[in-house]
């Protein structure tokens, strides 16, 4: 985990909060930057693997930003005390979302209906032009290897993004931006997860041929 700057003293914190309330955006940036160490500390409670760190830091940062915007010094507490609760809430929301999405799905399970009234499965979605991978799955037996690759080689985070992106479990398809907002991460990070997951599935299938 990267090293973050030291937190502000009580006197410094009070000064920057006052400046931020007057509209000084640079003061807001300092309040956020100098409290990132708190985000990292909170993340340690929940991180189980190294790959979770970036994700949880991103989510925790959202909680910190919300705290800076809504903190009321008149209530007598320090910003860090209030921010810790906001950070914790954001992380817990993400973890609950992951748990909700963690069920295994069948690649043959209907997830929607096309314009002609035909059922659409995950396999149909993964064979679509949108992903530009139809040539990889041209043969019928490849479809079953793809289903196995989905279950076998993807992390929980990757499965969650693929499920949300392509509307598994009967839900509607979700854009990368919508996924980013739901999970509290950047759209570019969602895109990297999606592309990485599809690439891992491709390699897993090739290894079985």
C-alpha atoms as a PDB file:
ATOM      1  CA  UNK A   1       0.000   0.000   0.000  1.00  0.00           C
ATOM      2  CA  UNK A   2       1.353   3.446  -0.923  1.00  0.00           C
ATOM      3  CA  UNK A   3       2.551   5.917   1.711  1.00  0.00           C
ATOM      4  CA  UNK A   4       0.151   8.771   2.467  1.00  0.00           C
ATOM      5  CA  UNK A   5       0.983  12.199   3.950  1.00  0.00           C
ATOM      6  CA  UNK A   6       0.721  12.813   7.668  1.00  0.00           C
ATOM      7  CA  UNK A   7      -2.692  13.954   8.956  1.00  0.00           C
ATOM      8  CA  UNK A   8      -3.366  17.576   9.814  1.00  0.00           C
ATOM      9  CA  UNK A   9      -3.025  18.907  13.326  1.00  0.00           C
ATOM     10  CA  UNK A  10      -6.213  20.139  15.000  1.00  0.00           C
ATOM     11  CA  UNK A  11      -5.154  23.732  14.345  1.00  0.00           C
ATOM     12  CA  UNK A  12      -4.399  23.078  10.666  1.00  0.00           C
ATOM     13  CA  UNK A  13      -7.635  21.178  10.211  1.00  0.00           C
ATOM     14  CA  UNK A  14      -9.672  24.048  11.665  1.00  0.00           C
ATOM     15  CA  UNK A  15      -7.959  26.553   9.370  1.00  0.00           C
ATOM     16  CA  UNK A  16      -8.490  24.533   6.196  1.00  0.00           C
ATOM     17  CA  UNK A  17     -12.109  23.794   7.093  1.00  0.00           C
ATOM     18  CA  UNK A  18     -12.743  27.494   7.524  1.00  0.00           C
ATOM     19  CA  UNK A  19     -11.092  28.235   4.178  1.00  0.00           C
ATOM     20  CA  UNK A  20     -13.103  25.508   2.446  1.00  0.00           C
ATOM     21  CA  UNK A  21     -16.368  26.910   3.847  1.00  0.00           C
ATOM     22  CA  UNK A  22     -15.374  30.228   2.266  1.00  0.00           C
ATOM     23  CA  UNK A  23     -15.112  28.498  -1.124  1.00  0.00           C
ATOM     24  CA  UNK A  24     -11.394  27.679  -1.251  1.00  0.00           C
ATOM     25  CA  UNK A  25     -11.247  24.459  -3.293  1.00  0.00           C
ATOM     26  CA  UNK A  26      -7.514  24.077  -2.691  1.00  0.00           C
ATOM     27  CA  UNK A  27      -8.295  23.807   1.028  1.00  0.00           C
ATOM     28  CA  UNK A  28     -10.745  20.996   0.266  1.00  0.00           C
ATOM     29  CA  UNK A  29      -8.059  19.129  -1.690  1.00  0.00           C
ATOM     30  CA  UNK A  30      -5.667  19.430   1.238  1.00  0.00           C
ATOM     31  CA  UNK A  31      -8.296  18.133   3.683  1.00  0.00           C
ATOM     32  CA  UNK A  32      -8.844  15.102   1.459  1.00  0.00           C
ATOM     33  CA  UNK A  33      -5.176  14.431   0.743  1.00  0.00           C
ATOM     34  CA  UNK A  34      -4.091  14.716   4.363  1.00  0.00           C
ATOM     35  CA  UNK A  35      -6.823  12.299   5.493  1.00  0.00           C
ATOM     36  CA  UNK A  36      -6.029   9.565   2.948  1.00  0.00           C
ATOM     37  CA  UNK A  37      -3.987   7.796   5.609  1.00  0.00           C
ATOM     38  CA  UNK A  38      -7.293   7.276   7.451  1.00  0.00           C
ATOM     39  CA  UNK A  39      -8.806   5.696   4.327  1.00  0.00           C
ATOM     40  CA  UNK A  40      -5.858   3.311   4.075  1.00  0.00           C
ATOM     41  CA  UNK A  41      -6.233   2.406   7.752  1.00  0.00           C
ATOM     42  CA  UNK A  42      -9.949   1.659   7.339  1.00  0.00           C
ATOM     43  CA  UNK A  43      -9.308  -0.444   4.236  1.00  0.00           C
ATOM     44  CA  UNK A  44      -6.948  -2.714   6.182  1.00  0.00           C
ATOM     45  CA  UNK A  45      -9.911  -3.979   8.194  1.00  0.00           C
ATOM     46  CA  UNK A  46     -11.608  -5.342   5.100  1.00  0.00           C
ATOM     47  CA  UNK A  47      -8.868  -6.221   2.619  1.00  0.00           C
ATOM     48  CA  UNK A  48      -8.468  -9.970   2.127  1.00  0.00           C
ATOM     49  CA  UNK A  49      -6.294  -9.959  -0.975  1.00  0.00           C
ATOM     50  CA  UNK A  50      -3.877  -7.436  -2.462  1.00  0.00           C
ATOM     51  CA  UNK A  51      -6.081  -6.957  -5.515  1.00  0.00           C
ATOM     52  CA  UNK A  52      -8.849  -5.550  -3.275  1.00  0.00           C
ATOM     53  CA  UNK A  53      -6.748  -2.620  -2.103  1.00  0.00           C
ATOM     54  CA  UNK A  54      -7.183  -0.301  -5.108  1.00  0.00           C
ATOM     55  CA  UNK A  55     -10.905  -1.006  -5.221  1.00  0.00           C
ATOM     56  CA  UNK A  56     -11.482  -0.339  -1.529  1.00  0.00           C
ATOM     57  CA  UNK A  57      -9.215   2.718  -1.468  1.00  0.00           C
ATOM     58  CA  UNK A  58     -11.315   4.166  -4.302  1.00  0.00           C
ATOM     59  CA  UNK A  59     -14.546   3.465  -2.444  1.00  0.00           C
ATOM     60  CA  UNK A  60     -13.162   4.745   0.852  1.00  0.00           C
ATOM     61  CA  UNK A  61     -12.059   7.957  -0.850  1.00  0.00           C
ATOM     62  CA  UNK A  62     -15.655   8.616  -1.863  1.00  0.00           C
ATOM     63  CA  UNK A  63     -16.656   8.337   1.795  1.00  0.00           C
ATOM     64  CA  UNK A  64     -13.881  10.768   2.740  1.00  0.00           C
ATOM     65  CA  UNK A  65     -14.973  13.309   0.123  1.00  0.00           C
ATOM     66  CA  UNK A  66     -18.553  13.103   1.365  1.00  0.00           C
ATOM     67  CA  UNK A  67     -17.299  13.630   4.921  1.00  0.00           C
ATOM     68  CA  UNK A  68     -15.349  16.760   3.979  1.00  0.00           C
ATOM     69  CA  UNK A  69     -18.431  18.213   2.285  1.00  0.00           C
ATOM     70  CA  UNK A  70     -20.883  17.441   5.102  1.00  0.00           C
ATOM     71  CA  UNK A  71     -18.756  17.766   8.251  1.00  0.00           C
ATOM     72  CA  UNK A  72     -20.054  20.198  10.878  1.00  0.00           C
ATOM     73  CA  UNK A  73     -17.290  21.345  13.268  1.00  0.00           C
ATOM     74  CA  UNK A  74     -19.960  22.836  15.555  1.00  0.00           C
ATOM     75  CA  UNK A  75     -20.833  19.333  16.745  1.00  0.00           C
ATOM     76  CA  UNK A  76     -17.509  19.146  18.530  1.00  0.00           C
ATOM     77  CA  UNK A  77     -15.800  16.164  16.909  1.00  0.00           C
ATOM     78  CA  UNK A  78     -12.718  16.052  14.705  1.00  0.00           C
ATOM     79  CA  UNK A  79     -13.094  15.554  10.961  1.00  0.00           C
ATOM     80  CA  UNK A  80     -11.287  12.218  11.211  1.00  0.00           C
ATOM     81  CA  UNK A  81     -13.842  10.803  13.650  1.00  0.00           C
ATOM     82  CA  UNK A  82     -16.721  11.764  11.384  1.00  0.00           C
ATOM     83  CA  UNK A  83     -14.891  10.696   8.212  1.00  0.00           C
ATOM     84  CA  UNK A  84     -14.180   7.243   9.635  1.00  0.00           C
ATOM     85  CA  UNK A  85     -17.921   6.553   9.823  1.00  0.00           C
ATOM     86  CA  UNK A  86     -18.484   7.826   6.271  1.00  0.00           C
ATOM     87  CA  UNK A  87     -15.598   5.738   4.906  1.00  0.00           C
ATOM     88  CA  UNK A  88     -16.830   2.665   6.758  1.00  0.00           C
ATOM     89  CA  UNK A  89     -20.341   3.106   5.361  1.00  0.00           C
ATOM     90  CA  UNK A  90     -19.107   3.311   1.754  1.00  0.00           C
ATOM     91  CA  UNK A  91     -16.956   0.198   2.101  1.00  0.00           C
ATOM     92  CA  UNK A  92     -19.754  -1.765   3.757  1.00  0.00           C
ATOM     93  CA  UNK A  93     -22.154  -0.811   0.950  1.00  0.00           C
ATOM     94  CA  UNK A  94     -19.701  -2.165  -1.602  1.00  0.00           C
ATOM     95  CA  UNK A  95     -19.165  -5.389   0.322  1.00  0.00           C
ATOM     96  CA  UNK A  96     -22.916  -5.926   0.674  1.00  0.00           C
ATOM     97  CA  UNK A  97     -23.283  -5.370  -3.052  1.00  0.00           C
ATOM     98  CA  UNK A  98     -20.576  -7.953  -3.744  1.00  0.00           C
ATOM     99  CA  UNK A  99     -22.269 -10.474  -1.484  1.00  0.00           C
ATOM    100  CA  UNK A 100     -25.590  -9.935  -3.222  1.00  0.00           C
ATOM    101  CA  UNK A 101     -23.983 -10.517  -6.619  1.00  0.00           C
ATOM    102  CA  UNK A 102     -21.863 -13.505  -5.565  1.00  0.00           C
ATOM    103  CA  UNK A 103     -24.262 -16.277  -6.607  1.00  0.00           C
ATOM    104  CA  UNK A 104     -23.017 -18.583  -9.364  1.00  0.00           C
ATOM    105  CA  UNK A 105     -24.993 -18.308 -12.614  1.00  0.00           C
ATOM    106  CA  UNK A 106     -25.626 -20.674 -15.468  1.00  0.00           C
ATOM    107  CA  UNK A 107     -24.292 -19.651 -18.846  1.00  0.00           C
ATOM    108  CA  UNK A 108     -27.522 -21.067 -20.338  1.00  0.00           C
ATOM    109  CA  UNK A 109     -29.795 -19.070 -18.005  1.00  0.00           C
ATOM    110  CA  UNK A 110     -32.148 -16.638 -19.830  1.00  0.00           C
ATOM    111  CA  UNK A 111     -31.304 -13.023 -19.019  1.00  0.00           C
ATOM    112  CA  UNK A 112     -33.633 -11.187 -21.381  1.00  0.00           C
ATOM    113  CA  UNK A 113     -35.552 -11.194 -24.663  1.00  0.00           C
ATOM    114  CA  UNK A 114     -34.395  -9.888 -28.045  1.00  0.00           C
ATOM    115  CA  UNK A 115     -36.437  -7.838 -30.529  1.00  0.00           C
ATOM    116  CA  UNK A 116     -37.882 -11.018 -32.076  1.00  0.00           C
ATOM    117  CA  UNK A 117     -39.065 -12.374 -28.727  1.00  0.00           C
ATOM    118  CA  UNK A 118     -36.309 -14.960 -28.383  1.00  0.00           C
ATOM    119  CA  UNK A 119     -34.638 -15.615 -25.036  1.00  0.00           C
ATOM    120  CA  UNK A 120     -31.097 -14.257 -24.613  1.00  0.00           C
ATOM    121  CA  UNK A 121     -28.537 -16.068 -22.478  1.00  0.00           C
ATOM    122  CA  UNK A 122     -25.125 -15.036 -21.152  1.00  0.00           C
ATOM    123  CA  UNK A 123     -23.614 -17.117 -23.924  1.00  0.00           C
ATOM    124  CA  UNK A 124     -25.453 -15.037 -26.507  1.00  0.00           C
ATOM    125  CA  UNK A 125     -24.181 -11.839 -24.912  1.00  0.00           C
ATOM    126  CA  UNK A 126     -20.582 -13.006 -24.814  1.00  0.00           C
ATOM    127  CA  UNK A 127     -20.806 -14.009 -28.477  1.00  0.00           C
ATOM    128  CA  UNK A 128     -22.114 -10.595 -29.522  1.00  0.00           C
ATOM    129  CA  UNK A 129     -20.295  -8.147 -31.794  1.00  0.00           C
ATOM    130  CA  UNK A 130     -20.023  -5.686 -28.916  1.00  0.00           C
ATOM    131  CA  UNK A 131     -17.260  -7.741 -27.353  1.00  0.00           C
ATOM    132  CA  UNK A 132     -15.587  -8.658 -30.652  1.00  0.00           C
ATOM    133  CA  UNK A 133     -14.949 -12.210 -29.437  1.00  0.00           C
ATOM    134  CA  UNK A 134     -17.428 -14.149 -31.604  1.00  0.00           C
ATOM    135  CA  UNK A 135     -14.615 -15.824 -33.539  1.00  0.00           C
ATOM    136  CA  UNK A 136     -13.224 -17.314 -30.329  1.00  0.00           C
ATOM    137  CA  UNK A 137     -16.486 -19.124 -29.690  1.00  0.00           C
ATOM    138  CA  UNK A 138     -17.453 -20.187 -33.186  1.00  0.00           C
ATOM    139  CA  UNK A 139     -17.724 -23.867 -32.310  1.00  0.00           C
ATOM    140  CA  UNK A 140     -20.468 -25.145 -30.032  1.00  0.00           C
ATOM    141  CA  UNK A 141     -18.100 -26.983 -27.688  1.00  0.00           C
ATOM    142  CA  UNK A 142     -16.292 -23.706 -27.007  1.00  0.00           C
ATOM    143  CA  UNK A 143     -19.444 -22.382 -25.381  1.00  0.00           C
ATOM    144  CA  UNK A 144     -19.287 -24.972 -22.636  1.00  0.00           C
ATOM    145  CA  UNK A 145     -15.597 -24.266 -22.048  1.00  0.00           C
ATOM    146  CA  UNK A 146     -16.452 -20.592 -21.741  1.00  0.00           C
ATOM    147  CA  UNK A 147     -19.010 -21.330 -19.030  1.00  0.00           C
ATOM    148  CA  UNK A 148     -16.411 -23.344 -17.173  1.00  0.00           C
ATOM    149  CA  UNK A 149     -13.831 -20.562 -17.565  1.00  0.00           C
ATOM    150  CA  UNK A 150     -16.274 -18.037 -16.098  1.00  0.00           C
ATOM    151  CA  UNK A 151     -16.704 -20.125 -12.946  1.00  0.00           C
ATOM    152  CA  UNK A 152     -13.093 -21.255 -12.686  1.00  0.00           C
ATOM    153  CA  UNK A 153     -10.773 -18.346 -13.440  1.00  0.00           C
ATOM    154  CA  UNK A 154     -12.592 -15.111 -12.573  1.00  0.00           C
ATOM    155  CA  UNK A 155     -12.319 -13.378  -9.210  1.00  0.00           C
ATOM    156  CA  UNK A 156     -15.458 -12.357  -7.330  1.00  0.00           C
ATOM    157  CA  UNK A 157     -14.927  -8.768  -8.458  1.00  0.00           C
ATOM    158  CA  UNK A 158     -14.654  -9.805 -12.118  1.00  0.00           C
ATOM    159  CA  UNK A 159     -17.767 -11.982 -11.884  1.00  0.00           C
ATOM    160  CA  UNK A 160     -19.660  -9.090 -10.308  1.00  0.00           C
ATOM    161  CA  UNK A 161     -18.720  -6.709 -13.136  1.00  0.00           C
ATOM    162  CA  UNK A 162     -19.577  -9.257 -15.849  1.00  0.00           C
ATOM    163  CA  UNK A 163     -22.915 -10.020 -14.184  1.00  0.00           C
ATOM    164  CA  UNK A 164     -23.831  -6.349 -13.907  1.00  0.00           C
ATOM    165  CA  UNK A 165     -22.452  -5.429 -17.334  1.00  0.00           C
ATOM    166  CA  UNK A 166     -24.478  -8.065 -19.200  1.00  0.00           C
ATOM    167  CA  UNK A 167     -27.590  -8.277 -17.051  1.00  0.00           C
ATOM    168  CA  UNK A 168     -27.279 -11.694 -15.464  1.00  0.00           C
ATOM    169  CA  UNK A 169     -29.801 -13.099 -12.963  1.00  0.00           C
ATOM    170  CA  UNK A 170     -32.600 -11.518 -14.965  1.00  0.00           C
ATOM    171  CA  UNK A 171     -31.548  -7.901 -14.392  1.00  0.00           C
ATOM    172  CA  UNK A 172     -31.120  -5.352 -17.162  1.00  0.00           C
ATOM    173  CA  UNK A 173     -27.759  -4.658 -18.777  1.00  0.00           C
ATOM    174  CA  UNK A 174     -25.718  -1.994 -16.986  1.00  0.00           C
ATOM    175  CA  UNK A 175     -23.290   0.488 -18.521  1.00  0.00           C
ATOM    176  CA  UNK A 176     -19.722   0.806 -17.303  1.00  0.00           C
ATOM    177  CA  UNK A 177     -20.546   4.235 -15.870  1.00  0.00           C
ATOM    178  CA  UNK A 178     -23.528   2.848 -13.937  1.00  0.00           C
ATOM    179  CA  UNK A 179     -21.390   0.020 -12.571  1.00  0.00           C
ATOM    180  CA  UNK A 180     -18.731   2.522 -11.529  1.00  0.00           C
ATOM    181  CA  UNK A 181     -21.305   4.572  -9.625  1.00  0.00           C
ATOM    182  CA  UNK A 182     -22.818   1.492  -7.986  1.00  0.00           C
ATOM    183  CA  UNK A 183     -19.483   0.056  -6.857  1.00  0.00           C
ATOM    184  CA  UNK A 184     -17.859   3.391  -6.091  1.00  0.00           C
ATOM    185  CA  UNK A 185     -14.951   2.976  -8.518  1.00  0.00           C
ATOM    186  CA  UNK A 186     -13.920   4.765 -11.710  1.00  0.00           C
ATOM    187  CA  UNK A 187     -15.399   3.917 -15.118  1.00  0.00           C
ATOM    188  CA  UNK A 188     -11.923   3.261 -16.507  1.00  0.00           C
ATOM    189  CA  UNK A 189     -11.319   0.758 -13.692  1.00  0.00           C
ATOM    190  CA  UNK A 190     -14.589  -1.033 -14.571  1.00  0.00           C
ATOM    191  CA  UNK A 191     -13.430  -1.169 -18.194  1.00  0.00           C
ATOM    192  CA  UNK A 192     -10.083  -2.706 -17.154  1.00  0.00           C
ATOM    193  CA  UNK A 193     -11.854  -5.303 -15.017  1.00  0.00           C
ATOM    194  CA  UNK A 194     -14.224  -6.235 -17.847  1.00  0.00           C
ATOM    195  CA  UNK A 195     -11.488  -6.525 -20.473  1.00  0.00           C
ATOM    196  CA  UNK A 196      -9.246  -8.437 -18.092  1.00  0.00           C
ATOM    197  CA  UNK A 197     -12.017 -10.888 -17.233  1.00  0.00           C
ATOM    198  CA  UNK A 198     -12.751 -11.626 -20.885  1.00  0.00           C
ATOM    199  CA  UNK A 199      -9.055 -12.059 -21.604  1.00  0.00           C
ATOM    200  CA  UNK A 200      -8.685 -14.499 -18.687  1.00  0.00           C
ATOM    201  CA  UNK A 201     -11.625 -16.508 -19.999  1.00  0.00           C
ATOM    202  CA  UNK A 202     -10.078 -16.595 -23.470  1.00  0.00           C
ATOM    203  CA  UNK A 203      -6.747 -17.845 -22.133  1.00  0.00           C
ATOM    204  CA  UNK A 204      -8.447 -20.450 -19.954  1.00  0.00           C
ATOM    205  CA  UNK A 205     -10.320 -21.782 -22.960  1.00  0.00           C
ATOM    206  CA  UNK A 206      -7.215 -21.868 -25.105  1.00  0.00           C
ATOM    207  CA  UNK A 207      -5.401 -23.807 -22.387  1.00  0.00           C
ATOM    208  CA  UNK A 208      -8.095 -26.499 -22.532  1.00  0.00           C
ATOM    209  CA  UNK A 209      -7.821 -27.048 -26.297  1.00  0.00           C
END
